[in-house]
Amino acid sequence: MKSDFDFFGGILYTYGVMSEDEENQAAYLAGLCRIKLSEIEKETLGKSLKKILSYMDLIDEIPTDDTHSCTHVLETVNNVWAEDEIGPTLDRETFLKNAPDQVGGMVKVPPIIEFET
């Protein structure tokens, strides 16, 4: 029986996240997440990632052929959130005054997806 880790682990291997060099793994993931890491953070993250994936390899060795899927979990879940109710909101002028940047009456935010041309 293939586990989810086989799928996701395969993706990590396929796209080069799983290399021998732990710092390269961390740098690659930092690039995907669009975060900057110091050299110490890369080293620490790389070691942590290696430990996590090693543990997942260990879990993947557990025989689960005779184990049934856990389908009953959602039967006991109740809605614990508050009801959606319309409440007081800021007027547009106050809202835009508190925004760090705006263009044409809208809040301007930095792009999160970069396109190559």
PDB file of N, CA and C in Angstrom:
ATOM      1  N   MET A   1       0.846  -1.181   0.000  1.00  0.00           N
ATOM      2  CA  MET A   1       0.000   0.000   0.000  1.00  0.00           C
ATOM      3  C   MET A   1       0.892   1.245   0.000  1.00  0.00           C
ATOM      4  N   LYS A   2       0.649   2.146  -0.926  1.00  0.00           N
ATOM      5  CA  LYS A   2       1.441   3.370  -0.987  1.00  0.00           C
ATOM      6  C   LYS A   2       0.879   4.383  -0.009  1.00  0.00           C
ATOM      7  N   SER A   3       1.759   5.045   0.691  1.00  0.00           N
ATOM      8  CA  SER A   3       1.321   6.064   1.644  1.00  0.00           C
ATOM      9  C   SER A   3       1.378   7.436   0.986  1.00  0.00           C
ATOM     10  N   ASP A   4       0.813   8.428   1.667  1.00  0.00           N
ATOM     11  CA  ASP A   4       0.897   9.802   1.174  1.00  0.00           C
ATOM     12  C   ASP A   4       2.347  10.243   1.086  1.00  0.00           C
ATOM     13  N   PHE A   5       3.189   9.739   2.007  1.00  0.00           N
ATOM     14  CA  PHE A   5       4.588  10.141   1.977  1.00  0.00           C
ATOM     15  C   PHE A   5       5.258   9.679   0.695  1.00  0.00           C
ATOM     16  N   ASP A   6       4.862   8.496   0.180  1.00  0.00           N
ATOM     17  CA  ASP A   6       5.435   8.047  -1.083  1.00  0.00           C
ATOM     18  C   ASP A   6       5.190   9.104  -2.154  1.00  0.00           C
ATOM     19  N   PHE A   7       3.980   9.654  -2.159  1.00  0.00           N
ATOM     20  CA  PHE A   7       3.634  10.661  -3.151  1.00  0.00           C
ATOM     21  C   PHE A   7       4.404  11.956  -2.912  1.00  0.00           C
ATOM     22  N   PHE A   8       4.284  12.516  -1.698  1.00  0.00           N
ATOM     23  CA  PHE A   8       4.921  13.794  -1.414  1.00  0.00           C
ATOM     24  C   PHE A   8       6.436  13.665  -1.367  1.00  0.00           C
ATOM     25  N   GLY A   9       6.922  12.566  -0.802  1.00  0.00           N
ATOM     26  CA  GLY A   9       8.365  12.334  -0.792  1.00  0.00           C
ATOM     27  C   GLY A   9       8.893  12.241  -2.204  1.00  0.00           C
ATOM     28  N   GLY A  10       8.114  11.592  -3.081  1.00  0.00           N
ATOM     29  CA  GLY A  10       8.510  11.495  -4.482  1.00  0.00           C
ATOM     30  C   GLY A  10       8.590  12.861  -5.131  1.00  0.00           C
ATOM     31  N   ILE A  11       7.661  13.725  -4.791  1.00  0.00           N
ATOM     32  CA  ILE A  11       7.697  15.090  -5.322  1.00  0.00           C
ATOM     33  C   ILE A  11       8.957  15.797  -4.843  1.00  0.00           C
ATOM     34  N   LEU A  12       9.279  15.644  -3.562  1.00  0.00           N
ATOM     35  CA  LEU A  12      10.473  16.297  -3.030  1.00  0.00           C
ATOM     36  C   LEU A  12      11.716  15.798  -3.743  1.00  0.00           C
ATOM     37  N   TYR A  13      11.802  14.490  -3.983  1.00  0.00           N
ATOM     38  CA  TYR A  13      12.956  13.949  -4.693  1.00  0.00           C
ATOM     39  C   TYR A  13      12.972  14.431  -6.138  1.00  0.00           C
ATOM     40  N   THR A  14      11.810  14.431  -6.786  1.00  0.00           N
ATOM     41  CA  THR A  14      11.721  14.806  -8.191  1.00  0.00           C
ATOM     42  C   THR A  14      12.158  16.244  -8.417  1.00  0.00           C
ATOM     43  N   TYR A  15      11.724  17.144  -7.555  1.00  0.00           N
ATOM     44  CA  TYR A  15      12.015  18.555  -7.767  1.00  0.00           C
ATOM     45  C   TYR A  15      13.283  19.028  -7.075  1.00  0.00           C
ATOM     46  N   GLY A  16      14.071  18.105  -6.596  1.00  0.00           N
ATOM     47  CA  GLY A  16      15.393  18.466  -6.105  1.00  0.00           C
ATOM     48  C   GLY A  16      15.452  18.996  -4.698  1.00  0.00           C
ATOM     49  N   VAL A  17      14.378  18.922  -3.929  1.00  0.00           N
ATOM     50  CA  VAL A  17      14.439  19.383  -2.547  1.00  0.00           C
ATOM     51  C   VAL A  17      15.287  18.423  -1.735  1.00  0.00           C
ATOM     52  N   MET A  18      15.191  17.144  -2.049  1.00  0.00           N
ATOM     53  CA  MET A  18      15.909  16.132  -1.291  1.00  0.00           C
ATOM     54  C   MET A  18      17.281  15.905  -1.905  1.00  0.00           C
ATOM     55  N   SER A  19      18.218  16.672  -1.495  1.00  0.00           N
ATOM     56  CA  SER A  19      19.585  16.475  -1.946  1.00  0.00           C
ATOM     57  C   SER A  19      20.410  16.079  -0.737  1.00  0.00           C
ATOM     58  N   GLU A  20      21.634  15.721  -0.983  1.00  0.00           N
ATOM     59  CA  GLU A  20      22.510  15.347   0.124  1.00  0.00           C
ATOM     60  C   GLU A  20      22.884  16.568   0.960  1.00  0.00           C
ATOM     61  N   ASP A  21      22.918  17.720   0.342  1.00  0.00           N
ATOM     62  CA  ASP A  21      23.338  18.937   1.023  1.00  0.00           C
ATOM     63  C   ASP A  21      22.139  19.565   1.734  1.00  0.00           C
ATOM     64  N   GLU A  22      22.150  19.515   3.054  1.00  0.00           N
ATOM     65  CA  GLU A  22      21.018  20.011   3.844  1.00  0.00           C
ATOM     66  C   GLU A  22      20.786  21.506   3.648  1.00  0.00           C
ATOM     67  N   GLU A  23      21.865  22.271   3.515  1.00  0.00           N
ATOM     68  CA  GLU A  23      21.701  23.720   3.343  1.00  0.00           C
ATOM     69  C   GLU A  23      21.033  24.041   2.010  1.00  0.00           C
ATOM     70  N   ASN A  24      21.323  23.246   0.972  1.00  0.00           N
ATOM     71  CA  ASN A  24      20.658  23.466  -0.318  1.00  0.00           C
ATOM     72  C   ASN A  24      19.169  23.183  -0.209  1.00  0.00           C
ATOM     73  N   GLN A  25      18.800  22.172   0.570  1.00  0.00           N
ATOM     74  CA  GLN A  25      17.384  21.880   0.791  1.00  0.00           C
ATOM     75  C   GLN A  25      16.706  23.090   1.422  1.00  0.00           C
ATOM     76  N   ALA A  26      17.324  23.617   2.465  1.00  0.00           N
ATOM     77  CA  ALA A  26      16.754  24.756   3.182  1.00  0.00           C
ATOM     78  C   ALA A  26      16.685  25.983   2.273  1.00  0.00           C
ATOM     79  N   ALA A  27      17.718  26.217   1.490  1.00  0.00           N
ATOM     80  CA  ALA A  27      17.730  27.370   0.590  1.00  0.00           C
ATOM     81  C   ALA A  27      16.636  27.238  -0.469  1.00  0.00           C
ATOM     82  N   TYR A  28      16.451  26.023  -0.985  1.00  0.00           N
ATOM     83  CA  TYR A  28      15.411  25.789  -1.987  1.00  0.00           C
ATOM     84  C   TYR A  28      14.028  26.059  -1.395  1.00  0.00           C
ATOM     85  N   LEU A  29      13.775  25.526  -0.210  1.00  0.00           N
ATOM     86  CA  LEU A  29      12.483  25.744   0.442  1.00  0.00           C
ATOM     87  C   LEU A  29      12.274  27.213   0.787  1.00  0.00           C
ATOM     88  N   ALA A  30      13.326  27.885   1.224  1.00  0.00           N
ATOM     89  CA  ALA A  30      13.220  29.314   1.533  1.00  0.00           C
ATOM     90  C   ALA A  30      12.839  30.094   0.278  1.00  0.00           C
ATOM     91  N   GLY A  31      13.399  29.700  -0.856  1.00  0.00           N
ATOM     92  CA  GLY A  31      13.049  30.345  -2.117  1.00  0.00           C
ATOM     93  C   GLY A  31      11.587  30.136  -2.474  1.00  0.00           C
ATOM     94  N   LEU A  32      11.097  28.911  -2.265  1.00  0.00           N
ATOM     95  CA  LEU A  32       9.684  28.631  -2.537  1.00  0.00           C
ATOM     96  C   LEU A  32       8.773  29.446  -1.627  1.00  0.00           C
ATOM     97  N   CYS A  33       9.210  29.626  -0.378  1.00  0.00           N
ATOM     98  CA  CYS A  33       8.402  30.354   0.606  1.00  0.00           C
ATOM     99  C   CYS A  33       8.620  31.855   0.543  1.00  0.00           C
ATOM    100  N   ARG A  34       9.576  32.267  -0.277  1.00  0.00           N
ATOM    101  CA  ARG A  34       9.928  33.686  -0.399  1.00  0.00           C
ATOM    102  C   ARG A  34      10.361  34.284   0.937  1.00  0.00           C
ATOM    103  N   ILE A  35      11.233  33.556   1.646  1.00  0.00           N
ATOM    104  CA  ILE A  35      11.790  34.066   2.894  1.00  0.00           C
ATOM    105  C   ILE A  35      13.306  34.041   2.799  1.00  0.00           C
ATOM    106  N   LYS A  36      13.939  34.912   3.546  1.00  0.00           N
ATOM    107  CA  LYS A  36      15.398  34.950   3.581  1.00  0.00           C
ATOM    108  C   LYS A  36      15.873  34.279   4.856  1.00  0.00           C
ATOM    109  N   LEU A  37      16.866  33.413   4.717  1.00  0.00           N
ATOM    110  CA  LEU A  37      17.433  32.719   5.863  1.00  0.00           C
ATOM    111  C   LEU A  37      18.917  33.023   5.961  1.00  0.00           C
ATOM    112  N   SER A  38      19.391  33.175   7.185  1.00  0.00           N
ATOM    113  CA  SER A  38      20.830  33.320   7.391  1.00  0.00           C
ATOM    114  C   SER A  38      21.472  31.952   7.193  1.00  0.00           C
ATOM    115  N   GLU A  39      22.782  31.912   7.124  1.00  0.00           N
ATOM    116  CA  GLU A  39      23.493  30.640   6.950  1.00  0.00           C
ATOM    117  C   GLU A  39      23.216  29.696   8.117  1.00  0.00           C
ATOM    118  N   ILE A  40      23.149  30.237   9.326  1.00  0.00           N
ATOM    119  CA  ILE A  40      22.868  29.404  10.505  1.00  0.00           C
ATOM    120  C   ILE A  40      21.449  28.849  10.419  1.00  0.00           C
ATOM    121  N   GLU A  41      20.494  29.684   9.990  1.00  0.00           N
ATOM    122  CA  GLU A  41      19.109  29.225   9.853  1.00  0.00           C
ATOM    123  C   GLU A  41      18.990  28.144   8.782  1.00  0.00           C
ATOM    124  N   LYS A  42      19.732  28.310   7.669  1.00  0.00           N
ATOM    125  CA  LYS A  42      19.717  27.285   6.620  1.00  0.00           C
ATOM    126  C   LYS A  42      20.237  25.958   7.159  1.00  0.00           C
ATOM    127  N   GLU A  43      21.322  26.029   7.907  1.00  0.00           N
ATOM    128  CA  GLU A  43      21.917  24.812   8.467  1.00  0.00           C
ATOM    129  C   GLU A  43      20.949  24.139   9.444  1.00  0.00           C
ATOM    130  N   THR A  44      20.355  24.935  10.329  1.00  0.00           N
ATOM    131  CA  THR A  44      19.420  24.398  11.323  1.00  0.00           C
ATOM    132  C   THR A  44      18.181  23.816  10.650  1.00  0.00           C
ATOM    133  N   LEU A  45      17.609  24.544   9.698  1.00  0.00           N
ATOM    134  CA  LEU A  45      16.425  24.065   8.990  1.00  0.00           C
ATOM    135  C   LEU A  45      16.740  22.798   8.205  1.00  0.00           C
ATOM    136  N   GLY A  46      17.891  22.767   7.562  1.00  0.00           N
ATOM    137  CA  GLY A  46      18.283  21.585   6.793  1.00  0.00           C
ATOM    138  C   GLY A  46      18.390  20.352   7.667  1.00  0.00           C
ATOM    139  N   LYS A  47      18.998  20.502   8.831  1.00  0.00           N
ATOM    140  CA  LYS A  47      19.124  19.369   9.760  1.00  0.00           C
ATOM    141  C   LYS A  47      17.757  18.934  10.278  1.00  0.00           C
ATOM    142  N   SER A  48      16.904  19.902  10.603  1.00  0.00           N
ATOM    143  CA  SER A  48      15.559  19.573  11.088  1.00  0.00           C
ATOM    144  C   SER A  48      14.759  18.852  10.012  1.00  0.00           C
ATOM    145  N   LEU A  49      14.841  19.342   8.791  1.00  0.00           N
ATOM    146  CA  LEU A  49      14.119  18.719   7.682  1.00  0.00           C
ATOM    147  C   LEU A  49      14.593  17.288   7.468  1.00  0.00           C
ATOM    148  N   LYS A  50      15.890  17.090   7.550  1.00  0.00           N
ATOM    149  CA  LYS A  50      16.441  15.742   7.372  1.00  0.00           C
ATOM    150  C   LYS A  50      15.913  14.800   8.452  1.00  0.00           C
ATOM    151  N   LYS A  51      15.842  15.271   9.700  1.00  0.00           N
ATOM    152  CA  LYS A  51      15.320  14.446  10.796  1.00  0.00           C
ATOM    153  C   LYS A  51      13.845  14.116  10.574  1.00  0.00           C
ATOM    154  N   ILE A  52      13.074  15.113  10.163  1.00  0.00           N
ATOM    155  CA  ILE A  52      11.641  14.909   9.934  1.00  0.00           C
ATOM    156  C   ILE A  52      11.420  13.874   8.837  1.00  0.00           C
ATOM    157  N   LEU A  53      12.127  14.022   7.728  1.00  0.00           N
ATOM    158  CA  LEU A  53      11.943  13.097   6.617  1.00  0.00           C
ATOM    159  C   LEU A  53      12.467  11.707   6.951  1.00  0.00           C
ATOM    160  N   SER A  54      13.505  11.619   7.769  1.00  0.00           N
ATOM    161  CA  SER A  54      13.988  10.311   8.222  1.00  0.00           C
ATOM    162  C   SER A  54      12.928   9.635   9.074  1.00  0.00           C
ATOM    163  N   TYR A  55      12.276  10.408   9.915  1.00  0.00           N
ATOM    164  CA  TYR A  55      11.204   9.866  10.744  1.00  0.00           C
ATOM    165  C   TYR A  55      10.043   9.397   9.871  1.00  0.00           C
ATOM    166  N   MET A  56       9.724  10.165   8.836  1.00  0.00           N
ATOM    167  CA  MET A  56       8.651   9.755   7.929  1.00  0.00           C
ATOM    168  C   MET A  56       9.024   8.472   7.194  1.00  0.00           C
ATOM    169  N   ASP A  57      10.297   8.310   6.837  1.00  0.00           N
ATOM    170  CA  ASP A  57      10.746   7.053   6.235  1.00  0.00           C
ATOM    171  C   ASP A  57      10.509   5.898   7.194  1.00  0.00           C
ATOM    172  N   LEU A  58      10.802   6.116   8.466  1.00  0.00           N
ATOM    173  CA  LEU A  58      10.602   5.087   9.484  1.00  0.00           C
ATOM    174  C   LEU A  58       9.112   4.738   9.609  1.00  0.00           C
ATOM    175  N   ILE A  59       8.273   5.742   9.649  1.00  0.00           N
ATOM    176  CA  ILE A  59       6.826   5.520   9.735  1.00  0.00           C
ATOM    177  C   ILE A  59       6.323   4.788   8.490  1.00  0.00           C
ATOM    178  N   ASP A  60       6.907   5.114   7.345  1.00  0.00           N
ATOM    179  CA  ASP A  60       6.488   4.499   6.089  1.00  0.00           C
ATOM    180  C   ASP A  60       6.744   2.990   6.071  1.00  0.00           C
ATOM    181  N   GLU A  61       7.646   2.513   6.910  1.00  0.00           N
ATOM    182  CA  GLU A  61       7.961   1.085   6.971  1.00  0.00           C
ATOM    183  C   GLU A  61       6.929   0.289   7.775  1.00  0.00           C
ATOM    184  N   ILE A  62       6.048   0.951   8.493  1.00  0.00           N
ATOM    185  CA  ILE A  62       5.030   0.264   9.293  1.00  0.00           C
ATOM    186  C   ILE A  62       4.039  -0.411   8.349  1.00  0.00           C
ATOM    187  N   PRO A  63       3.807  -1.723   8.532  1.00  0.00           N
ATOM    188  CA  PRO A  63       2.854  -2.408   7.650  1.00  0.00           C
ATOM    189  C   PRO A  63       1.418  -1.946   7.932  1.00  0.00           C
ATOM    190  N   THR A  64       0.766  -1.432   6.914  1.00  0.00           N
ATOM    191  CA  THR A  64      -0.600  -0.918   7.078  1.00  0.00           C
ATOM    192  C   THR A  64      -1.578  -1.568   6.105  1.00  0.00           C
ATOM    193  N   ASP A  65      -1.189  -2.700   5.516  1.00  0.00           N
ATOM    194  CA  ASP A  65      -2.055  -3.353   4.533  1.00  0.00           C
ATOM    195  C   ASP A  65      -3.400  -3.755   5.124  1.00  0.00           C
ATOM    196  N   ASP A  66      -3.416  -4.166   6.388  1.00  0.00           N
ATOM    197  CA  ASP A  66      -4.656  -4.613   7.022  1.00  0.00           C
ATOM    198  C   ASP A  66      -5.337  -3.517   7.834  1.00  0.00           C
ATOM    199  N   THR A  67      -4.877  -2.293   7.691  1.00  0.00           N
ATOM    200  CA  THR A  67      -5.434  -1.178   8.450  1.00  0.00           C
ATOM    201  C   THR A  67      -6.509  -0.484   7.619  1.00  0.00           C
ATOM    202  N   HIS A  68      -7.649  -0.248   8.245  1.00  0.00           N
ATOM    203  CA  HIS A  68      -8.748   0.423   7.551  1.00  0.00           C
ATOM    204  C   HIS A  68      -8.557   1.936   7.617  1.00  0.00           C
ATOM    205  N   SER A  69      -9.042   2.598   6.602  1.00  0.00           N
ATOM    206  CA  SER A  69      -8.973   4.058   6.588  1.00  0.00           C
ATOM    207  C   SER A  69      -9.820   4.618   7.717  1.00  0.00           C
ATOM    208  N   CYS A  70      -9.402   5.749   8.226  1.00  0.00           N
ATOM    209  CA  CYS A  70     -10.120   6.400   9.323  1.00  0.00           C
ATOM    210  C   CYS A  70     -11.173   7.330   8.712  1.00  0.00           C
ATOM    211  N   THR A  71     -12.384   6.812   8.560  1.00  0.00           N
ATOM    212  CA  THR A  71     -13.435   7.601   7.914  1.00  0.00           C
ATOM    213  C   THR A  71     -14.450   8.151   8.899  1.00  0.00           C
ATOM    214  N   HIS A  72     -14.349   7.771  10.153  1.00  0.00           N
ATOM    215  CA  HIS A  72     -15.351   8.163  11.145  1.00  0.00           C
ATOM    216  C   HIS A  72     -15.027   9.467  11.867  1.00  0.00           C
ATOM    217  N   VAL A  73     -13.908  10.056  11.587  1.00  0.00           N
ATOM    218  CA  VAL A  73     -13.467  11.236  12.327  1.00  0.00           C
ATOM    219  C   VAL A  73     -14.464  12.380  12.218  1.00  0.00           C
ATOM    220  N   LEU A  74     -14.980  12.616  11.035  1.00  0.00           N
ATOM    221  CA  LEU A  74     -15.862  13.766  10.828  1.00  0.00           C
ATOM    222  C   LEU A  74     -17.257  13.570  11.409  1.00  0.00           C
ATOM    223  N   GLU A  75     -17.595  12.349  11.789  1.00  0.00           N
ATOM    224  CA  GLU A  75     -18.927  12.103  12.342  1.00  0.00           C
ATOM    225  C   GLU A  75     -19.130  12.780  13.693  1.00  0.00           C
ATOM    226  N   THR A  76     -18.056  13.007  14.420  1.00  0.00           N
ATOM    227  CA  THR A  76     -18.180  13.578  15.764  1.00  0.00           C
ATOM    228  C   THR A  76     -17.858  15.066  15.814  1.00  0.00           C
ATOM    229  N   VAL A  77     -17.543  15.659  14.682  1.00  0.00           N
ATOM    230  CA  VAL A  77     -17.163  17.065  14.658  1.00  0.00           C
ATOM    231  C   VAL A  77     -18.416  17.933  14.687  1.00  0.00           C
ATOM    232  N   ASN A  78     -18.434  18.878  15.591  1.00  0.00           N
ATOM    233  CA  ASN A  78     -19.526  19.847  15.679  1.00  0.00           C
ATOM    234  C   ASN A  78     -18.989  21.224  15.345  1.00  0.00           C
ATOM    235  N   ASN A  79     -19.845  22.076  14.848  1.00  0.00           N
ATOM    236  CA  ASN A  79     -19.444  23.442  14.553  1.00  0.00           C
ATOM    237  C   ASN A  79     -19.238  24.186  15.868  1.00  0.00           C
ATOM    238  N   VAL A  80     -18.005  24.568  16.137  1.00  0.00           N
ATOM    239  CA  VAL A  80     -17.701  25.259  17.390  1.00  0.00           C
ATOM    240  C   VAL A  80     -17.494  26.757  17.168  1.00  0.00           C
ATOM    241  N   TRP A  81     -17.684  27.202  15.947  1.00  0.00           N
ATOM    242  CA  TRP A  81     -17.466  28.603  15.641  1.00  0.00           C
ATOM    243  C   TRP A  81     -18.725  29.416  15.931  1.00  0.00           C
ATOM    244  N   ALA A  82     -18.533  30.684  16.107  1.00  0.00           N
ATOM    245  CA  ALA A  82     -19.668  31.586  16.330  1.00  0.00           C
ATOM    246  C   ALA A  82     -20.446  31.744  15.026  1.00  0.00           C
ATOM    247  N   GLU A  83     -21.697  32.097  15.154  1.00  0.00           N
ATOM    248  CA  GLU A  83     -22.530  32.342  13.982  1.00  0.00           C
ATOM    249  C   GLU A  83     -21.996  33.563  13.236  1.00  0.00           C
ATOM    250  N   ASP A  84     -22.136  33.549  11.916  1.00  0.00           N
ATOM    251  CA  ASP A  84     -21.749  34.705  11.114  1.00  0.00           C
ATOM    252  C   ASP A  84     -22.816  35.778  11.275  1.00  0.00           C
ATOM    253  N   GLU A  85     -22.408  36.906  11.803  1.00  0.00           N
ATOM    254  CA  GLU A  85     -23.342  38.008  11.990  1.00  0.00           C
ATOM    255  C   GLU A  85     -22.701  39.292  11.492  1.00  0.00           C
ATOM    256  N   ILE A  86     -23.495  40.119  10.864  1.00  0.00           N
ATOM    257  CA  ILE A  86     -22.998  41.405  10.396  1.00  0.00           C
ATOM    258  C   ILE A  86     -22.818  42.312  11.601  1.00  0.00           C
ATOM    259  N   GLY A  87     -21.655  42.931  11.691  1.00  0.00           N
ATOM    260  CA  GLY A  87     -21.368  43.817  12.806  1.00  0.00           C
ATOM    261  C   GLY A  87     -20.837  45.146  12.301  1.00  0.00           C
ATOM    262  N   PRO A  88     -20.466  46.022  13.197  1.00  0.00           N
ATOM    263  CA  PRO A  88     -19.950  47.329  12.783  1.00  0.00           C
ATOM    264  C   PRO A  88     -18.610  47.181  12.055  1.00  0.00           C
ATOM    265  N   THR A  89     -18.440  47.975  11.019  1.00  0.00           N
ATOM    266  CA  THR A  89     -17.195  47.975  10.257  1.00  0.00           C
ATOM    267  C   THR A  89     -16.696  49.403  10.115  1.00  0.00           C
ATOM    268  N   LEU A  90     -15.459  49.541   9.695  1.00  0.00           N
ATOM    269  CA  LEU A  90     -14.896  50.866   9.455  1.00  0.00           C
ATOM    270  C   LEU A  90     -15.468  51.434   8.165  1.00  0.00           C
ATOM    271  N   ASP A  91     -15.646  52.742   8.135  1.00  0.00           N
ATOM    272  CA  ASP A  91     -16.042  53.350   6.874  1.00  0.00           C
ATOM    273  C   ASP A  91     -14.818  53.357   5.955  1.00  0.00           C
ATOM    274  N   ARG A  92     -15.051  53.474   4.655  1.00  0.00           N
ATOM    275  CA  ARG A  92     -13.988  53.356   3.650  1.00  0.00           C
ATOM    276  C   ARG A  92     -12.852  54.347   3.898  1.00  0.00           C
ATOM    277  N   GLU A  93     -13.188  55.582   4.219  1.00  0.00           N
ATOM    278  CA  GLU A  93     -12.171  56.622   4.421  1.00  0.00           C
ATOM    279  C   GLU A  93     -11.245  56.266   5.588  1.00  0.00           C
ATOM    280  N   THR A  94     -11.799  55.826   6.705  1.00  0.00           N
ATOM    281  CA  THR A  94     -10.995  55.441   7.872  1.00  0.00           C
ATOM    282  C   THR A  94     -10.138  54.226   7.546  1.00  0.00           C
ATOM    283  N   PHE A  95     -10.729  53.264   6.855  1.00  0.00           N
ATOM    284  CA  PHE A  95      -9.998  52.058   6.487  1.00  0.00           C
ATOM    285  C   PHE A  95      -8.790  52.405   5.620  1.00  0.00           C
ATOM    286  N   LEU A  96      -9.000  53.228   4.588  1.00  0.00           N
ATOM    287  CA  LEU A  96      -7.904  53.588   3.686  1.00  0.00           C
ATOM    288  C   LEU A  96      -6.865  54.460   4.379  1.00  0.00           C
ATOM    289  N   LYS A  97      -7.300  55.276   5.351  1.00  0.00           N
ATOM    290  CA  LYS A  97      -6.352  56.108   6.088  1.00  0.00           C
ATOM    291  C   LYS A  97      -5.384  55.229   6.890  1.00  0.00           C
ATOM    292  N   ASN A  98      -5.848  54.072   7.353  1.00  0.00           N
ATOM    293  CA  ASN A  98      -5.017  53.153   8.130  1.00  0.00           C
ATOM    294  C   ASN A  98      -4.184  52.212   7.263  1.00  0.00           C
ATOM    295  N   ALA A  99      -4.437  52.191   5.959  1.00  0.00           N
ATOM    296  CA  ALA A  99      -3.685  51.311   5.062  1.00  0.00           C
ATOM    297  C   ALA A  99      -2.293  51.887   4.828  1.00  0.00           C
ATOM    298  N   PRO A 100      -1.270  51.040   4.749  1.00  0.00           N
ATOM    299  CA  PRO A 100       0.085  51.548   4.537  1.00  0.00           C
ATOM    300  C   PRO A 100       0.273  52.194   3.171  1.00  0.00           C
ATOM    301  N   ASP A 101      -0.458  51.730   2.148  1.00  0.00           N
ATOM    302  CA  ASP A 101      -0.332  52.294   0.811  1.00  0.00           C
ATOM    303  C   ASP A 101      -1.653  52.065   0.080  1.00  0.00           C
ATOM    304  N   GLN A 102      -2.004  53.003  -0.801  1.00  0.00           N
ATOM    305  CA  GLN A 102      -3.253  52.849  -1.541  1.00  0.00           C
ATOM    306  C   GLN A 102      -3.111  53.436  -2.931  1.00  0.00           C
ATOM    307  N   VAL A 103      -3.928  52.913  -3.840  1.00  0.00           N
ATOM    308  CA  VAL A 103      -3.963  53.396  -5.216  1.00  0.00           C
ATOM    309  C   VAL A 103      -5.421  53.397  -5.665  1.00  0.00           C
ATOM    310  N   GLY A 104      -5.907  54.527  -6.093  1.00  0.00           N
ATOM    311  CA  GLY A 104      -7.263  54.613  -6.629  1.00  0.00           C
ATOM    312  C   GLY A 104      -8.341  54.158  -5.668  1.00  0.00           C
ATOM    313  N   GLY A 105      -8.180  54.445  -4.388  1.00  0.00           N
ATOM    314  CA  GLY A 105      -9.185  54.070  -3.410  1.00  0.00           C
ATOM    315  C   GLY A 105      -9.137  52.605  -2.998  1.00  0.00           C
ATOM    316  N   MET A 106      -8.035  51.922  -3.350  1.00  0.00           N
ATOM    317  CA  MET A 106      -7.866  50.517  -2.971  1.00  0.00           C
ATOM    318  C   MET A 106      -6.537  50.351  -2.241  1.00  0.00           C
ATOM    319  N   VAL A 107      -6.468  49.356  -1.379  1.00  0.00           N
ATOM    320  CA  VAL A 107      -5.234  49.075  -0.652  1.00  0.00           C
ATOM    321  C   VAL A 107      -4.245  48.438  -1.614  1.00  0.00           C
ATOM    322  N   LYS A 108      -3.029  48.970  -1.655  1.00  0.00           N
ATOM    323  CA  LYS A 108      -1.980  48.414  -2.509  1.00  0.00           C
ATOM    324  C   LYS A 108      -1.153  47.451  -1.666  1.00  0.00           C
ATOM    325  N   VAL A 109      -0.995  46.238  -2.177  1.00  0.00           N
ATOM    326  CA  VAL A 109      -0.204  45.229  -1.477  1.00  0.00           C
ATOM    327  C   VAL A 109       0.933  44.783  -2.391  1.00  0.00           C
ATOM    328  N   PRO A 110       2.038  44.301  -1.809  1.00  0.00           N
ATOM    329  CA  PRO A 110       3.143  43.843  -2.652  1.00  0.00           C
ATOM    330  C   PRO A 110       2.762  42.554  -3.386  1.00  0.00           C
ATOM    331  N   PRO A 111       3.308  42.359  -4.581  1.00  0.00           N
ATOM    332  CA  PRO A 111       3.002  41.131  -5.323  1.00  0.00           C
ATOM    333  C   PRO A 111       3.604  39.912  -4.621  1.00  0.00           C
ATOM    334  N   ILE A 112       2.907  38.794  -4.731  1.00  0.00           N
ATOM    335  CA  ILE A 112       3.445  37.570  -4.142  1.00  0.00           C
ATOM    336  C   ILE A 112       3.837  36.563  -5.215  1.00  0.00           C
ATOM    337  N   ILE A 113       3.394  36.786  -6.435  1.00  0.00           N
ATOM    338  CA  ILE A 113       3.755  35.903  -7.542  1.00  0.00           C
ATOM    339  C   ILE A 113       4.498  36.734  -8.568  1.00  0.00           C
ATOM    340  N   GLU A 114       5.667  36.273  -8.941  1.00  0.00           N
ATOM    341  CA  GLU A 114       6.453  36.979  -9.939  1.00  0.00           C
ATOM    342  C   GLU A 114       6.339  36.244 -11.262  1.00  0.00           C
ATOM    343  N   PHE A 115       6.185  36.985 -12.332  1.00  0.00           N
ATOM    344  CA  PHE A 115       6.083  36.399 -13.656  1.00  0.00           C
ATOM    345  C   PHE A 115       7.343  36.726 -14.437  1.00  0.00           C
ATOM    346  N   GLU A 116       7.847  35.723 -15.142  1.00  0.00           N
ATOM    347  CA  GLU A 116       8.998  35.954 -16.008  1.00  0.00           C
ATOM    348  C   GLU A 116       8.481  36.291 -17.393  1.00  0.00           C
ATOM    349  N   THR A 117       9.107  37.289 -18.025  1.00  0.00           N
ATOM    350  CA  THR A 117       8.669  37.662 -19.375  1.00  0.00           C
ATOM    351  C   THR A 117       9.693  37.276 -20.391  1.00  0.00           C
TER     352      THR A 117
END
